[in-house]
């Protein structure tokens, strides 16, 4: 072997060692970066001797990533439902004077006090005040429910915008990866970016990724709606400005979801169900209206039981004595007549149970939702840990770096030896 050939071989070794050290350092630096795939240099021997870099291989467990994405979407959906039910339960109140049950008990206590001393204007006023507090609390719960529906509406609009933006970015990334890959360029960074972009969509809709070859991918929901196949699909949604009780998709007051202009179901084949986006629709269109319906039933029962008393219609607010004497009385009557007040107490008989039923219905759903959220979150986290474990192993990379340093030193030693030999020949 000539000295020139030995020098060329050693230089190729130095070049590869330098590139390998750079790649290893990049792997270690991105060990915890979401969407980063482990890189390794693809090497081959040269015809003239030595080694050369022929490309960069990116490793990613696509099956595991796919399972993790679906798990993330389910966990996000379960978390949204649990958070909604927890908020409504808190609005109703679980215990104490500020809860729905506490307000009913406060009204009952005020009626007992008033019936024991019907001549007391202060005690009659306390009944009016307790009734107003109860109706105010019911209105507050209604406002909370409609506020959550409005939040869900806003969340749907934001998610649709984010999905559409991400799909367009994926269309562009697919094209760039195909072009750069065909020209032999390293597309690892583009693949990382594409994986991160798909993950953004998967946070809202459970996805399946399909390999189309030549570095291209297609995306569809787990139920079969195609979101990306060459061209990006477009989701459509019209956000309502204000949501009030009674508004629904069926009445035309609220918008559903469309895909390229066609209605996109949120469950069943060809749908976009199972993720946070579908959960927000469920909150807006089913869970919140169900909670409102239960509250409306309680309110209707309350009004029916106190019909003609003026307690919840405003007539007794300015003249509390009408609770004792009746709405048709021209003036305050005998102060010792507690018959009407006792009648109201009889009407209170089942209201405490009805208030408890409103709360228990929401609480039972909340407990079930939180249990489902805990399970799905744990599953998603387990898959995420498995994905990280299958990615960059920093211990392995550091061991590899030691070998690279040894190879670099060996090639450098060869170059030093060749240099010394050339210098000796020149001195002859």
Protein backbone atom coordinates (compact mmCIF):
# COMPACT_ATOMS: atom_id res chain seq x y z
CA UNK A 1 0.00 0.00 0.00
CA UNK A 2 1.35 3.42 -0.93
CA UNK A 3 1.65 6.21 1.59
CA UNK A 4 -0.85 8.25 -0.44
CA UNK A 5 -3.42 5.44 -0.23
CA UNK A 6 -2.84 5.05 3.51
CA UNK A 7 -3.27 8.79 3.98
CA UNK A 8 -6.52 8.77 1.97
CA UNK A 9 -7.91 5.86 3.98
CA UNK A 10 -7.02 7.51 7.29
CA UNK A 11 -8.57 10.81 6.17
CA UNK A 12 -11.80 9.00 5.26
CA UNK A 13 -11.79 7.47 8.74
CA UNK A 14 -11.36 10.89 10.33
CA UNK A 15 -14.23 12.28 8.27
CA UNK A 16 -16.56 9.45 9.25
CA UNK A 17 -15.50 9.66 12.90
CA UNK A 18 -16.21 13.40 12.90
CA UNK A 19 -19.63 12.88 11.33
CA UNK A 20 -20.38 10.03 13.76
CA UNK A 21 -19.45 12.16 16.77
CA UNK A 22 -21.69 14.94 15.48
CA UNK A 23 -24.59 12.51 14.97
CA UNK A 24 -24.14 10.93 18.39
CA UNK A 25 -24.06 14.34 20.07
CA UNK A 26 -27.25 15.26 18.23
CA UNK A 27 -28.93 12.06 19.45
CA UNK A 28 -27.94 12.72 23.06
CA UNK A 29 -29.05 16.36 22.91
CA UNK A 30 -32.48 15.35 21.60
CA UNK A 31 -33.02 12.29 23.79
CA UNK A 32 -36.14 13.87 25.36
CA UNK A 33 -37.33 15.86 22.33
CA UNK A 34 -40.86 14.90 21.28
CA UNK A 35 -40.93 13.51 17.75
CA UNK A 36 -37.17 13.04 17.46
CA UNK A 37 -36.08 9.77 15.84
CA UNK A 38 -32.75 8.09 16.61
CA UNK A 39 -30.20 8.73 13.84
CA UNK A 40 -27.41 6.48 12.65
CA UNK A 41 -24.96 6.97 9.79
CA UNK A 42 -25.17 4.49 6.93
CA UNK A 43 -21.58 3.55 6.00
CA UNK A 44 -19.95 1.66 3.14
CA UNK A 45 -16.41 0.90 2.01
CA UNK A 46 -14.87 2.91 -0.81
CA UNK A 47 -13.61 1.31 -3.99
CA UNK A 48 -10.21 2.89 -3.34
CA UNK A 49 -10.14 1.81 0.29
CA UNK A 50 -11.43 3.49 3.41
CA UNK A 51 -14.98 4.28 4.46
CA UNK A 52 -17.65 6.73 3.39
CA UNK A 53 -21.03 8.01 4.59
CA UNK A 54 -23.84 6.97 2.26
CA UNK A 55 -26.73 8.42 4.22
CA UNK A 56 -28.48 8.88 7.55
CA UNK A 57 -30.99 6.34 8.85
CA UNK A 58 -33.77 7.51 11.14
CA UNK A 59 -35.36 4.91 13.42
CA UNK A 60 -38.96 5.14 14.67
CA UNK A 61 -41.41 2.46 15.79
CA UNK A 62 -44.39 3.49 13.70
CA UNK A 63 -46.72 0.90 15.24
CA UNK A 64 -45.92 2.09 18.76
CA UNK A 65 -46.26 5.72 17.73
CA UNK A 66 -49.64 4.96 16.17
CA UNK A 67 -50.89 3.29 19.35
CA UNK A 68 -49.58 6.18 21.45
CA UNK A 69 -51.37 8.72 19.25
CA UNK A 70 -54.70 6.97 19.63
CA UNK A 71 -54.13 6.68 23.38
CA UNK A 72 -53.32 10.40 23.57
CA UNK A 73 -56.57 11.28 21.78
CA UNK A 74 -58.64 9.04 24.07
CA UNK A 75 -56.92 10.45 27.18
CA UNK A 76 -57.60 14.00 26.02
CA UNK A 77 -61.27 13.17 25.40
CA UNK A 78 -61.74 11.49 28.77
CA UNK A 79 -59.98 14.38 30.49
CA UNK A 80 -62.25 16.95 28.84
CA UNK A 81 -65.41 15.09 29.87
CA UNK A 82 -64.17 14.63 33.44
CA UNK A 83 -63.24 18.32 33.70
CA UNK A 84 -66.69 19.34 32.43
CA UNK A 85 -68.56 17.14 34.90
CA UNK A 86 -66.33 18.31 37.76
CA UNK A 87 -67.10 21.93 36.90
CA UNK A 88 -70.86 21.32 36.81
CA UNK A 89 -70.72 19.37 40.06
CA UNK A 90 -68.87 22.28 41.66
CA UNK A 91 -71.46 24.73 40.30
CA UNK A 92 -74.30 22.69 41.82
CA UNK A 93 -72.38 22.43 45.08
CA UNK A 94 -71.71 19.24 46.99
CA UNK A 95 -72.35 20.46 50.54
CA UNK A 96 -72.92 23.53 52.68
CA UNK A 97 -75.11 26.59 52.47
CA UNK A 98 -73.81 27.49 49.01
CA UNK A 99 -74.92 24.24 47.38
CA UNK A 100 -78.24 23.54 45.69
CA UNK A 101 -79.20 21.19 48.52
CA UNK A 102 -78.02 23.76 51.05
CA UNK A 103 -80.18 26.44 49.42
CA UNK A 104 -83.24 24.17 49.58
CA UNK A 105 -82.52 23.41 53.23
CA UNK A 106 -82.09 27.14 53.88
CA UNK A 107 -85.51 27.84 52.36
CA UNK A 108 -87.09 25.06 54.42
CA UNK A 109 -85.50 26.41 57.61
CA UNK A 110 -86.74 29.93 56.81
CA UNK A 111 -90.28 28.60 56.26
CA UNK A 112 -90.20 26.70 59.57
CA UNK A 113 -89.12 29.86 61.38
CA UNK A 114 -91.78 31.94 59.63
CA UNK A 115 -94.53 29.39 60.32
CA UNK A 116 -93.63 29.41 64.02
CA UNK A 117 -94.03 33.21 64.14
CA UNK A 118 -96.14 34.23 61.11
CA UNK A 119 -96.58 37.74 62.45
CA UNK A 120 -92.83 38.43 62.11
CA UNK A 121 -92.07 40.54 59.05
CA UNK A 122 -88.38 39.76 59.46
CA UNK A 123 -89.01 36.03 59.23
CA UNK A 124 -91.26 36.46 56.20
CA UNK A 125 -88.54 38.56 54.58
CA UNK A 126 -86.05 35.78 55.35
CA UNK A 127 -88.24 33.36 53.39
CA UNK A 128 -88.24 35.74 50.41
CA UNK A 129 -84.48 36.13 50.69
CA UNK A 130 -83.97 32.34 50.82
CA UNK A 131 -86.19 31.90 47.77
CA UNK A 132 -84.26 34.54 45.85
CA UNK A 133 -80.97 32.91 46.81
CA UNK A 134 -82.25 29.56 45.54
CA UNK A 135 -83.44 30.95 42.22
CA UNK A 136 -80.23 32.93 41.88
CA UNK A 137 -78.21 29.76 42.43
CA UNK A 138 -80.24 27.91 39.79
CA UNK A 139 -79.64 30.75 37.33
CA UNK A 140 -75.95 30.63 38.21
CA UNK A 141 -75.80 26.90 37.44
CA UNK A 142 -77.55 27.54 34.13
CA UNK A 143 -75.02 30.25 33.29
CA UNK A 144 -72.19 27.85 34.14
CA UNK A 145 -73.65 25.12 31.92
CA UNK A 146 -74.09 27.48 28.99
CA UNK A 147 -70.63 28.92 29.63
CA UNK A 148 -69.14 25.44 29.37
CA UNK A 149 -71.06 24.89 26.14
CA UNK A 150 -69.64 28.15 24.84
CA UNK A 151 -66.15 27.07 25.86
CA UNK A 152 -66.67 23.78 24.01
CA UNK A 153 -67.81 25.72 20.95
CA UNK A 154 -64.68 27.89 21.09
CA UNK A 155 -62.52 24.80 21.60
CA UNK A 156 -64.05 23.10 18.57
CA UNK A 157 -63.34 26.12 16.38
CA UNK A 158 -59.74 26.33 17.62
CA UNK A 159 -59.18 22.60 17.11
CA UNK A 160 -60.58 22.72 13.57
CA UNK A 161 -58.30 25.65 12.70
CA UNK A 162 -55.28 23.85 14.17
CA UNK A 163 -56.09 20.62 12.31
CA UNK A 164 -56.52 22.41 8.99
CA UNK A 165 -53.25 24.29 9.44
CA UNK A 166 -51.42 21.10 10.39
CA UNK A 167 -52.85 19.16 7.44
CA UNK A 168 -51.64 21.83 5.03
CA UNK A 169 -48.20 21.73 6.65
CA UNK A 170 -48.15 17.95 6.26
CA UNK A 171 -48.98 18.27 2.57
CA UNK A 172 -46.01 20.61 2.15
CA UNK A 173 -43.72 18.40 4.27
CA UNK A 174 -44.63 15.34 2.21
CA UNK A 175 -43.62 17.18 -0.95
CA UNK A 176 -40.33 18.43 0.52
CA UNK A 177 -39.42 14.99 1.86
CA UNK A 178 -40.07 13.40 -1.52
CA UNK A 179 -37.92 15.98 -3.35
CA UNK A 180 -35.04 16.01 -0.85
CA UNK A 181 -35.06 12.23 -0.52
CA UNK A 182 -34.88 11.75 -4.27
CA UNK A 183 -31.85 14.06 -4.38
CA UNK A 184 -30.04 12.19 -1.60
CA UNK A 185 -30.40 14.89 1.06
CA UNK A 186 -30.85 14.11 4.73
CA UNK A 187 -34.58 14.33 5.47
CA UNK A 188 -34.35 13.41 9.17
CA UNK A 189 -35.24 16.89 10.40
CA UNK A 190 -38.23 17.00 8.06
CA UNK A 191 -39.39 13.60 9.31
CA UNK A 192 -39.13 14.84 12.90
CA UNK A 193 -41.16 17.91 12.00
CA UNK A 194 -43.75 15.77 10.23
CA UNK A 195 -44.10 13.46 13.22
CA UNK A 196 -44.58 16.43 15.55
CA UNK A 197 -47.20 17.89 13.19
CA UNK A 198 -49.12 14.61 13.04
CA UNK A 199 -48.99 14.48 16.84
CA UNK A 200 -50.70 17.90 16.97
CA UNK A 201 -53.62 16.54 14.96
CA UNK A 202 -53.70 13.31 16.96
CA UNK A 203 -54.28 15.34 20.11
CA UNK A 204 -57.76 16.09 18.73
CA UNK A 205 -58.62 13.11 16.52
CA UNK A 206 -57.44 9.48 16.75
CA UNK A 207 -55.33 8.85 13.64
CA UNK A 208 -53.86 6.07 11.58
CA UNK A 209 -50.79 6.77 9.45
CA UNK A 210 -50.45 4.99 6.10
CA UNK A 211 -47.14 4.63 4.28
CA UNK A 212 -47.54 5.60 0.64
CA UNK A 213 -43.88 5.00 -0.27
CA UNK A 214 -41.26 7.47 -1.44
CA UNK A 215 -41.33 9.09 2.00
CA UNK A 216 -45.03 9.95 1.69
CA UNK A 217 -47.73 9.28 4.25
CA UNK A 218 -51.51 9.46 4.27
CA UNK A 219 -53.66 10.09 7.33
CA UNK A 220 -57.11 8.86 8.19
CA UNK A 221 -59.16 8.80 11.36
CA UNK A 222 -59.34 5.46 13.13
CA UNK A 223 -62.91 5.17 11.82
CA UNK A 224 -61.82 5.67 8.20
CA UNK A 225 -62.28 9.36 7.28
CA UNK A 226 -59.38 10.36 5.00
CA UNK A 227 -57.69 13.56 6.15
CA UNK A 228 -54.58 13.52 3.98
CA UNK A 229 -53.76 11.56 0.85
CA UNK A 230 -51.61 13.68 -1.43
CA UNK A 231 -53.85 16.73 -0.88
CA UNK A 232 -54.95 17.86 2.55
CA UNK A 233 -58.65 17.65 3.33
CA UNK A 234 -60.41 20.65 4.88
CA UNK A 235 -62.55 20.47 8.00
CA UNK A 236 -65.42 22.92 8.23
CA UNK A 237 -67.15 24.41 11.27
CA UNK A 238 -69.19 27.57 11.86
CA UNK A 239 -68.77 28.95 15.36
CA UNK A 240 -71.85 30.36 17.06
CA UNK A 241 -71.44 33.74 18.71
CA UNK A 242 -73.51 33.03 21.81
CA UNK A 243 -75.04 29.76 23.00
CA UNK A 244 -78.28 29.77 25.00
CA UNK A 245 -80.42 26.89 26.28
CA UNK A 246 -82.33 25.12 23.52
CA UNK A 247 -79.77 25.70 20.77
CA UNK A 248 -78.85 22.48 18.96
CA UNK A 249 -77.53 21.08 15.70
CA UNK A 250 -80.97 19.64 14.94
CA UNK A 251 -82.56 23.09 15.15
CA UNK A 252 -79.91 24.54 12.85
CA UNK A 253 -78.69 26.95 15.52
CA UNK A 254 -75.39 25.12 15.98
CA UNK A 255 -72.93 23.82 13.42
CA UNK A 256 -71.79 20.27 12.93
CA UNK A 257 -68.48 19.19 11.42
CA UNK A 258 -67.81 18.84 7.69
CA UNK A 259 -64.98 17.29 5.66
CA UNK A 260 -64.45 18.87 2.25
CA UNK A 261 -67.96 20.26 2.45
CA UNK A 262 -69.64 16.97 3.38
CA UNK A 263 -71.07 16.19 6.82
CA UNK A 264 -68.54 14.34 8.94
CA UNK A 265 -70.09 12.10 11.61
CA UNK A 266 -68.55 11.97 15.06
CA UNK A 267 -69.14 8.27 15.54
CA UNK A 268 -69.36 5.15 13.43
CA UNK A 269 -67.65 4.27 10.13
CA UNK A 270 -66.11 7.19 8.31
CA UNK A 271 -66.32 9.39 11.39
CA UNK A 272 -63.98 11.43 13.55
CA UNK A 273 -64.94 10.08 16.96
CA UNK A 274 -62.91 8.99 19.94
CA UNK A 275 -60.82 12.10 20.55
CA UNK A 276 -60.94 15.48 22.19
CA UNK A 277 -62.75 17.06 19.23
CA UNK A 278 -65.63 14.59 19.50
CA UNK A 279 -65.65 15.03 23.29
CA UNK A 280 -66.15 18.78 22.89
CA UNK A 281 -69.11 18.13 20.60
CA UNK A 282 -70.49 15.67 23.17
CA UNK A 283 -70.17 18.31 25.91
CA UNK A 284 -71.86 20.95 23.79
CA UNK A 285 -74.64 18.80 22.32
CA UNK A 286 -75.34 16.04 24.85
CA UNK A 287 -73.68 16.24 28.27
CA UNK A 288 -74.36 19.92 28.98
CA UNK A 289 -77.97 19.80 27.66
CA UNK A 290 -78.58 16.69 29.82
CA UNK A 291 -77.33 18.56 32.88
CA UNK A 292 -79.49 21.55 31.94
CA UNK A 293 -82.53 19.30 31.45
CA UNK A 294 -82.09 17.83 34.94
CA UNK A 295 -81.82 21.34 36.38
CA UNK A 296 -84.86 22.52 34.39
CA UNK A 297 -86.89 19.58 35.72
CA UNK A 298 -85.97 20.57 39.25
CA UNK A 299 -86.82 24.21 38.56
CA UNK A 300 -90.18 23.32 37.02
CA UNK A 301 -91.03 21.15 40.02
CA UNK A 302 -90.04 23.99 42.33
CA UNK A 303 -92.26 26.50 40.51
CA UNK A 304 -95.18 24.08 40.37
CA UNK A 305 -95.04 23.38 44.12
CA UNK A 306 -94.99 27.09 44.95
CA UNK A 307 -97.45 28.23 42.28
CA UNK A 308 -99.70 31.03 43.53
CA UNK A 309 -97.45 31.93 46.46
CA UNK A 310 -95.54 34.72 44.73
CA UNK A 311 -92.27 33.40 46.19
CA UNK A 312 -90.61 32.66 42.86
CA UNK A 313 -92.57 35.03 40.61
CA UNK A 314 -91.66 38.29 42.35
CA UNK A 315 -95.02 39.30 43.85
CA UNK A 316 -93.87 38.62 47.40
CA UNK A 317 -90.51 40.32 47.03
CA UNK A 318 -91.77 43.82 47.85
CA UNK A 319 -94.54 42.66 50.23
CA UNK A 320 -93.42 39.53 52.11
CA UNK A 321 -96.70 39.47 54.09
CA UNK A 322 -98.39 38.11 50.94
CA UNK A 323 -96.66 34.77 51.65
CA UNK A 324 -98.79 34.56 54.80
CA UNK A 325 -102.00 36.21 53.57
CA UNK A 326 -102.12 35.34 49.85
CA UNK A 327 -101.54 37.27 46.63
CA UNK A 328 -105.16 38.37 46.37
CA UNK A 329 -105.19 40.06 49.79
CA UNK A 330 -105.73 43.81 49.68
CA UNK A 331 -103.91 44.38 52.97
CA UNK A 332 -102.05 42.42 55.62
CA UNK A 333 -104.36 40.06 57.50
CA UNK A 334 -104.27 38.32 60.85
CA UNK A 335 -100.66 37.91 61.86
CA UNK A 336 -101.19 34.54 63.48
CA UNK A 337 -102.37 32.64 60.37
CA UNK A 338 -99.63 30.19 59.34
CA UNK A 339 -101.76 27.94 57.13
CA UNK A 340 -100.23 29.10 53.84
CA UNK A 341 -96.71 28.90 55.26
CA UNK A 342 -97.41 25.35 56.48
CA UNK A 343 -98.69 24.52 53.00
CA UNK A 344 -95.38 25.69 51.56
CA UNK A 345 -93.54 23.52 54.07
CA UNK A 346 -95.56 20.53 52.85
CA UNK A 347 -94.51 21.43 49.30
CA UNK A 348 -90.88 21.25 50.44
CA UNK A 349 -91.25 17.58 51.34
CA UNK A 350 -89.53 16.08 48.29
CA UNK A 351 -87.46 19.05 47.10
CA UNK A 352 -84.41 18.12 49.16
CA UNK A 353 -84.42 14.68 47.58
CA UNK A 354 -84.85 16.22 44.13
CA UNK A 355 -81.87 18.54 44.70
CA UNK A 356 -79.80 15.56 45.85
CA UNK A 357 -80.84 13.66 42.72
CA UNK A 358 -79.63 16.50 40.48
CA UNK A 359 -76.25 16.43 42.21
CA UNK A 360 -75.93 12.64 42.41
CA UNK A 361 -76.63 12.26 38.69
CA UNK A 362 -73.72 14.56 37.84
CA UNK A 363 -71.47 13.14 40.58
CA UNK A 364 -71.91 9.55 39.41
CA UNK A 365 -70.98 10.53 35.87
CA UNK A 366 -68.02 12.52 37.15
CA UNK A 367 -66.65 9.59 39.13
CA UNK A 368 -66.98 7.29 36.11
CA UNK A 369 -65.37 9.88 33.82
CA UNK A 370 -62.45 10.47 36.18
CA UNK A 371 -61.87 6.72 36.43
CA UNK A 372 -61.84 6.43 32.64
CA UNK A 373 -59.54 9.46 32.38
CA UNK A 374 -57.10 7.99 34.91
CA UNK A 375 -56.94 4.71 33.00
CA UNK A 376 -56.55 6.28 29.56
CA UNK A 377 -53.95 8.76 30.82
CA UNK A 378 -51.93 5.94 32.40
CA UNK A 379 -52.10 3.95 29.17
CA UNK A 380 -50.99 6.93 27.10
CA UNK A 381 -48.13 7.63 29.49
CA UNK A 382 -47.03 3.98 29.39
CA UNK A 383 -46.93 4.05 25.61
CA UNK A 384 -45.05 7.35 25.67
CA UNK A 385 -42.42 5.88 28.01
CA UNK A 386 -42.11 2.83 25.76
CA UNK A 387 -41.64 5.14 22.77
CA UNK A 388 -38.88 7.04 24.55
CA UNK A 389 -37.21 3.82 25.63
CA UNK A 390 -37.18 2.67 22.03
CA UNK A 391 -35.66 5.97 20.95
CA UNK A 392 -32.36 7.42 22.08
CA UNK A 393 -30.53 5.42 24.76
CA UNK A 394 -28.04 7.91 26.18
CA UNK A 395 -25.91 5.18 27.79
CA UNK A 396 -25.53 3.42 24.46
CA UNK A 397 -24.79 6.70 22.71
CA UNK A 398 -22.07 7.63 25.22
CA UNK A 399 -20.47 4.20 24.82
CA UNK A 400 -20.60 4.71 21.08
CA UNK A 401 -18.94 8.09 21.50
CA UNK A 402 -16.00 6.45 23.30
CA UNK A 403 -15.52 4.07 20.38
CA UNK A 404 -15.72 6.98 17.94
CA UNK A 405 -13.02 8.81 19.89
CA UNK A 406 -10.81 5.71 19.76
CA UNK A 407 -11.36 5.38 16.02
CA UNK A 408 -10.58 9.06 15.55
CA UNK A 409 -7.36 8.72 17.56
CA UNK A 410 -6.31 5.65 15.56
CA UNK A 411 -6.84 7.37 12.22
CA UNK A 412 -5.04 10.45 13.48
CA UNK A 413 -2.12 8.23 14.51
CA UNK A 414 -1.97 6.75 11.01
CA UNK A 415 -1.83 10.25 9.50
CA UNK A 416 0.95 11.23 11.93
CA UNK A 417 2.90 8.09 11.01
CA UNK A 418 2.47 8.71 7.27
CA UNK A 419 3.57 12.30 7.78
CA UNK A 420 6.66 11.16 9.66
CA UNK A 421 7.49 8.66 6.93
CA UNK A 422 7.10 11.31 4.20
CA UNK A 423 9.28 13.69 6.14
CA UNK A 424 11.93 10.96 6.42
CA UNK A 425 11.80 10.29 2.69
CA UNK A 426 12.15 13.99 1.91
CA UNK A 427 15.29 14.17 4.07
CA UNK A 428 17.01 11.37 2.13
